[in-house]
Structures are given as structure tokens and as C-alpha cells.
Amino acid sequence: MKQMKNQSQAIYKKIIRFVPAFCWMAVIFILSSRTGDEMNKVLPFFQKWFPFMNDFNWGHFVAYFLLAAAFDYGLGRHSERLSMKLLIVTLCVLYGVTDEYHQSFVGGRMMDTMDLRNDGIGATLWVLLVSIPAVRKIWRRIAGTNKVEPPA
């Protein structure tokens, strides 16, 4: 009986680790629900802080960089395997496809393959960054998975 309880707790902990990814996916969905006019109204605010910004294309890099980090967090130390790194990028790009499809129903927005490319680049940059040993060590400490085992 106690063993079943421990197994249930372990499964629950693994599921909970993906909550940040699901929350960030919701944020991306909400931002994608904004019309073109709504997005253009907030652009001047960001341009005050980042004068080089002409549009929100950079947002795709950042959003999917963070989504990849959230998936990495969910996978824990298993994300160090090459197959899991590819899975992270694939999941991000697939979510990007659904995001672009969703945008096609929003006024003043459209599907854009360049946005999808930027989504993939953002996710790939995360995977590459966290592959650097010094960065990985810091990330594992932050993510609470610093008991690093060699990738299988």
C-alpha cells in the first residue's frame, strides 16, 4: 500500500513539473488572441525601452525560448538526452503551428511562416544554451535537478 502511495506521489511530482509549460502556453495563446490593432497600440510602449524594435517578431524568439525552458524543466534531468532535446524543439514548433493557425482567426493577424521559423530558432537557442556545461550546471541547480546522471 505504501509503495503505491509513493508511486502516485512520484507521478504527481512529474506532472506538476509541466505546469509552467502549460501556463506559458496559455500566455502565448492569450497574446495571440490580440488583434493587430491591439498589438500596434502597445508597440510604442516597448519601443521606449527597446528603441531598435520595429515589430514583435522578436517576441517569438523570446516566447518559444521560454517555452523550451519550461519543457526542459518538466523533463528534468532526462532533457539532457539528445532525443529529449529534439522532443523539446519539436513540441515548441508544433505548438507554434497551432499558434499560427489560431492567429488566422484573429482580426489583423495572419499565419506567417517566418513567425514559425522564429519559434523554432528560440526553442533551439534554449536547447543549445543549456547544453553548455556551465550553463547546464546552473540551470540544474535552479530547476532542482542537480543530481545529474549521465544521459542514457
C-alpha atoms as a PDB file:
ATOM      1  CA  MET A   1       0.000   0.000   0.000  1.00  0.00           C
ATOM      2  CA  LYS A   2       2.785   2.390   0.927  1.00  0.00           C
ATOM      3  CA  GLN A   3       4.611   1.570  -2.317  1.00  0.00           C
ATOM      4  CA  MET A   4       1.515   2.540  -4.354  1.00  0.00           C
ATOM      5  CA  LYS A   5       1.302   5.824  -2.457  1.00  0.00           C
ATOM      6  CA  ASN A   6       4.968   6.548  -3.207  1.00  0.00           C
ATOM      7  CA  GLN A   7       4.431   5.731  -6.892  1.00  0.00           C
ATOM      8  CA  SER A   8       1.402   8.029  -7.012  1.00  0.00           C
ATOM      9  CA  GLN A   9       3.382  10.828  -5.407  1.00  0.00           C
ATOM     10  CA  ALA A  10       6.239  10.356  -7.883  1.00  0.00           C
ATOM     11  CA  ILE A  11       3.847  10.525 -10.847  1.00  0.00           C
ATOM     12  CA  TYR A  12       2.149  13.598  -9.358  1.00  0.00           C
ATOM     13  CA  LYS A  13       5.522  15.340  -8.956  1.00  0.00           C
ATOM     14  CA  LYS A  14       6.401  14.595 -12.591  1.00  0.00           C
ATOM     15  CA  ILE A  15       3.096  16.036 -13.800  1.00  0.00           C
ATOM     16  CA  ILE A  16       3.455  19.138 -11.617  1.00  0.00           C
ATOM     17  CA  ARG A  17       6.812  19.902 -13.244  1.00  0.00           C
ATOM     18  CA  PHE A  18       4.962  20.562 -16.530  1.00  0.00           C
ATOM     19  CA  VAL A  19       2.628  23.200 -15.031  1.00  0.00           C
ATOM     20  CA  PRO A  20       4.989  26.069 -16.004  1.00  0.00           C
ATOM     21  CA  ALA A  21       4.957  24.873 -19.634  1.00  0.00           C
ATOM     22  CA  PHE A  22       1.150  24.720 -19.716  1.00  0.00           C
ATOM     23  CA  CYS A  23       0.880  28.145 -18.082  1.00  0.00           C
ATOM     24  CA  TRP A  24       3.315  29.659 -20.584  1.00  0.00           C
ATOM     25  CA  MET A  25       1.385  28.044 -23.454  1.00  0.00           C
ATOM     26  CA  ALA A  26      -1.726  29.795 -22.100  1.00  0.00           C
ATOM     27  CA  VAL A  27       0.135  33.127 -22.062  1.00  0.00           C
ATOM     28  CA  ILE A  28       1.186  32.613 -25.686  1.00  0.00           C
ATOM     29  CA  PHE A  29      -2.417  31.756 -26.613  1.00  0.00           C
ATOM     30  CA  ILE A  30      -3.752  34.880 -24.878  1.00  0.00           C
ATOM     31  CA  LEU A  31      -1.184  37.113 -26.573  1.00  0.00           C
ATOM     32  CA  SER A  32      -2.052  35.529 -29.921  1.00  0.00           C
ATOM     33  CA  SER A  33      -5.692  36.414 -29.320  1.00  0.00           C
ATOM     34  CA  ARG A  34      -4.908  40.128 -29.509  1.00  0.00           C
ATOM     35  CA  THR A  35      -5.894  41.833 -32.728  1.00  0.00           C
ATOM     36  CA  GLY A  36      -3.366  43.588 -34.919  1.00  0.00           C
ATOM     37  CA  ASP A  37      -4.667  46.975 -33.720  1.00  0.00           C
ATOM     38  CA  GLU A  38      -4.279  45.984 -30.068  1.00  0.00           C
ATOM     39  CA  MET A  39      -0.724  44.821 -30.672  1.00  0.00           C
ATOM     40  CA  ASN A  40       0.152  48.040 -32.534  1.00  0.00           C
ATOM     41  CA  LYS A  41      -1.112  50.131 -29.594  1.00  0.00           C
ATOM     42  CA  VAL A  42       1.387  48.569 -27.180  1.00  0.00           C
ATOM     43  CA  LEU A  43       4.347  48.631 -29.582  1.00  0.00           C
ATOM     44  CA  PRO A  44       5.261  52.287 -28.741  1.00  0.00           C
ATOM     45  CA  PHE A  45       5.499  51.331 -25.045  1.00  0.00           C
ATOM     46  CA  PHE A  46       8.088  48.668 -25.828  1.00  0.00           C
ATOM     47  CA  GLN A  47       9.903  50.971 -28.235  1.00  0.00           C
ATOM     48  CA  LYS A  48      10.581  53.371 -25.353  1.00  0.00           C
ATOM     49  CA  TRP A  49      12.580  50.630 -23.644  1.00  0.00           C
ATOM     50  CA  PHE A  50      13.897  48.979 -26.814  1.00  0.00           C
ATOM     51  CA  PRO A  51      14.236  51.701 -29.485  1.00  0.00           C
ATOM     52  CA  PHE A  52      15.550  49.247 -32.081  1.00  0.00           C
ATOM     53  CA  MET A  53      12.251  47.348 -32.050  1.00  0.00           C
ATOM     54  CA  ASN A  54      10.207  47.765 -35.237  1.00  0.00           C
ATOM     55  CA  ASP A  55       7.711  44.958 -34.625  1.00  0.00           C
ATOM     56  CA  PHE A  56       7.007  41.983 -32.381  1.00  0.00           C
ATOM     57  CA  ASN A  57       8.946  39.359 -34.359  1.00  0.00           C
ATOM     58  CA  TRP A  58      11.481  39.200 -31.529  1.00  0.00           C
ATOM     59  CA  GLY A  59       8.620  38.115 -29.275  1.00  0.00           C
ATOM     60  CA  HIS A  60       8.516  34.748 -30.994  1.00  0.00           C
ATOM     61  CA  PHE A  61      12.173  34.126 -30.159  1.00  0.00           C
ATOM     62  CA  VAL A  62      11.612  35.021 -26.512  1.00  0.00           C
ATOM     63  CA  ALA A  63       8.266  33.242 -26.102  1.00  0.00           C
ATOM     64  CA  TYR A  64       9.487  29.950 -27.514  1.00  0.00           C
ATOM     65  CA  PHE A  65      12.889  30.224 -25.810  1.00  0.00           C
ATOM     66  CA  LEU A  66      10.952  30.373 -22.531  1.00  0.00           C
ATOM     67  CA  LEU A  67       8.561  27.601 -23.597  1.00  0.00           C
ATOM     68  CA  ALA A  68      11.555  25.367 -24.339  1.00  0.00           C
ATOM     69  CA  ALA A  69      12.956  26.190 -20.889  1.00  0.00           C
ATOM     70  CA  ALA A  70       9.613  25.238 -19.340  1.00  0.00           C
ATOM     71  CA  PHE A  71       9.554  21.914 -21.215  1.00  0.00           C
ATOM     72  CA  ASP A  72      13.168  21.350 -20.149  1.00  0.00           C
ATOM     73  CA  TYR A  73      12.121  21.965 -16.546  1.00  0.00           C
ATOM     74  CA  GLY A  74       9.266  19.485 -16.936  1.00  0.00           C
ATOM     75  CA  LEU A  75      11.549  16.780 -18.288  1.00  0.00           C
ATOM     76  CA  GLY A  76      14.120  17.358 -15.550  1.00  0.00           C
ATOM     77  CA  ARG A  77      17.456  15.637 -15.964  1.00  0.00           C
ATOM     78  CA  HIS A  78      16.022  13.471 -18.773  1.00  0.00           C
ATOM     79  CA  SER A  79      16.203  16.552 -21.008  1.00  0.00           C
ATOM     80  CA  GLU A  80      19.956  16.072 -21.306  1.00  0.00           C
ATOM     81  CA  ARG A  81      19.392  13.203 -23.746  1.00  0.00           C
ATOM     82  CA  LEU A  82      19.600  14.150 -27.400  1.00  0.00           C
ATOM     83  CA  SER A  83      16.195  12.588 -28.056  1.00  0.00           C
ATOM     84  CA  MET A  84      14.627  14.787 -25.363  1.00  0.00           C
ATOM     85  CA  LYS A  85      16.331  17.906 -26.750  1.00  0.00           C
ATOM     86  CA  LEU A  86      14.807  17.108 -30.142  1.00  0.00           C
ATOM     87  CA  LEU A  87      11.456  16.488 -28.444  1.00  0.00           C
ATOM     88  CA  ILE A  88      11.594  19.913 -26.766  1.00  0.00           C
ATOM     89  CA  VAL A  89      12.219  21.705 -30.067  1.00  0.00           C
ATOM     90  CA  THR A  90       9.576  19.593 -31.837  1.00  0.00           C
ATOM     91  CA  LEU A  91       6.949  20.318 -29.165  1.00  0.00           C
ATOM     92  CA  CYS A  92       7.687  24.034 -29.373  1.00  0.00           C
ATOM     93  CA  VAL A  93       7.444  24.079 -33.170  1.00  0.00           C
ATOM     94  CA  LEU A  94       4.214  22.040 -33.107  1.00  0.00           C
ATOM     95  CA  TYR A  95       2.729  24.461 -30.591  1.00  0.00           C
ATOM     96  CA  GLY A  96       3.919  27.277 -32.859  1.00  0.00           C
ATOM     97  CA  VAL A  97       1.947  25.704 -35.724  1.00  0.00           C
ATOM     98  CA  THR A  98      -1.218  25.684 -33.599  1.00  0.00           C
ATOM     99  CA  ASP A  99      -0.482  29.264 -32.529  1.00  0.00           C
ATOM    100  CA  GLU A 100      -0.176  30.429 -36.127  1.00  0.00           C
ATOM    101  CA  TYR A 101      -3.389  28.616 -37.059  1.00  0.00           C
ATOM    102  CA  HIS A 102      -5.120  30.292 -34.105  1.00  0.00           C
ATOM    103  CA  GLN A 103      -3.868  33.706 -35.250  1.00  0.00           C
ATOM    104  CA  SER A 104      -5.508  33.176 -38.634  1.00  0.00           C
ATOM    105  CA  PHE A 105      -8.876  33.654 -36.899  1.00  0.00           C
ATOM    106  CA  VAL A 106      -7.862  36.894 -35.148  1.00  0.00           C
ATOM    107  CA  GLY A 107      -8.555  40.246 -36.822  1.00  0.00           C
ATOM    108  CA  GLY A 108      -5.488  41.943 -38.236  1.00  0.00           C
ATOM    109  CA  ARG A 109      -3.355  38.811 -37.723  1.00  0.00           C
ATOM    110  CA  MET A 110      -2.355  36.082 -40.131  1.00  0.00           C
ATOM    111  CA  MET A 111      -0.389  32.882 -40.351  1.00  0.00           C
ATOM    112  CA  ASP A 112       3.267  33.611 -41.003  1.00  0.00           C
ATOM    113  CA  THR A 113       5.936  31.016 -41.696  1.00  0.00           C
ATOM    114  CA  MET A 114       8.606  33.469 -40.539  1.00  0.00           C
ATOM    115  CA  ASP A 115       6.976  33.515 -37.100  1.00  0.00           C
ATOM    116  CA  LEU A 116       7.127  29.727 -37.071  1.00  0.00           C
ATOM    117  CA  ARG A 117      10.800  29.879 -38.048  1.00  0.00           C
ATOM    118  CA  ASN A 118      11.421  32.302 -35.181  1.00  0.00           C
ATOM    119  CA  ASP A 119       9.596  29.959 -32.781  1.00  0.00           C
ATOM    120  CA  GLY A 120      11.920  27.126 -33.786  1.00  0.00           C
ATOM    121  CA  ILE A 121      15.003  29.320 -33.508  1.00  0.00           C
ATOM    122  CA  GLY A 122      14.000  30.436 -29.999  1.00  0.00           C
ATOM    123  CA  ALA A 123      13.472  26.840 -28.847  1.00  0.00           C
ATOM    124  CA  THR A 124      16.707  25.690 -30.472  1.00  0.00           C
ATOM    125  CA  LEU A 125      18.657  28.522 -28.833  1.00  0.00           C
ATOM    126  CA  TRP A 126      17.424  27.344 -25.412  1.00  0.00           C
ATOM    127  CA  VAL A 127      18.458  23.761 -26.114  1.00  0.00           C
ATOM    128  CA  LEU A 128      21.887  24.880 -27.333  1.00  0.00           C
ATOM    129  CA  LEU A 129      22.393  27.292 -24.435  1.00  0.00           C
ATOM    130  CA  VAL A 130      21.533  24.732 -21.784  1.00  0.00           C
ATOM    131  CA  SER A 131      23.884  22.244 -23.478  1.00  0.00           C
ATOM    132  CA  ILE A 132      26.861  24.349 -22.393  1.00  0.00           C
ATOM    133  CA  PRO A 133      28.168  22.552 -19.269  1.00  0.00           C
ATOM    134  CA  ALA A 134      28.488  25.670 -17.078  1.00  0.00           C
ATOM    135  CA  VAL A 135      25.001  26.877 -18.022  1.00  0.00           C
ATOM    136  CA  ARG A 136      23.552  23.382 -17.575  1.00  0.00           C
ATOM    137  CA  LYS A 137      25.038  23.161 -14.076  1.00  0.00           C
ATOM    138  CA  ILE A 138      23.441  26.476 -13.058  1.00  0.00           C
ATOM    139  CA  TRP A 139      20.118  25.542 -14.715  1.00  0.00           C
ATOM    140  CA  ARG A 140      20.001  22.148 -12.986  1.00  0.00           C
ATOM    141  CA  ARG A 141      20.541  23.847  -9.640  1.00  0.00           C
ATOM    142  CA  ILE A 142      17.731  26.342 -10.361  1.00  0.00           C
ATOM    143  CA  ALA A 143      15.432  23.613 -11.712  1.00  0.00           C
ATOM    144  CA  GLY A 144      16.057  21.409  -8.682  1.00  0.00           C
ATOM    145  CA  THR A 145      17.564  18.575 -10.701  1.00  0.00           C
ATOM    146  CA  ASN A 146      21.205  18.992  -9.802  1.00  0.00           C
ATOM    147  CA  LYS A 147      21.625  15.246  -9.220  1.00  0.00           C
ATOM    148  CA  VAL A 148      22.957  14.872 -12.725  1.00  0.00           C
ATOM    149  CA  GLU A 149      23.163  11.350 -14.050  1.00  0.00           C
ATOM    150  CA  PRO A 150      24.867  10.614 -17.338  1.00  0.00           C
ATOM    151  CA  PRO A 151      22.440  10.716 -20.267  1.00  0.00           C
ATOM    152  CA  ALA A 152      21.283   7.279 -21.394  1.00  0.00           C
END
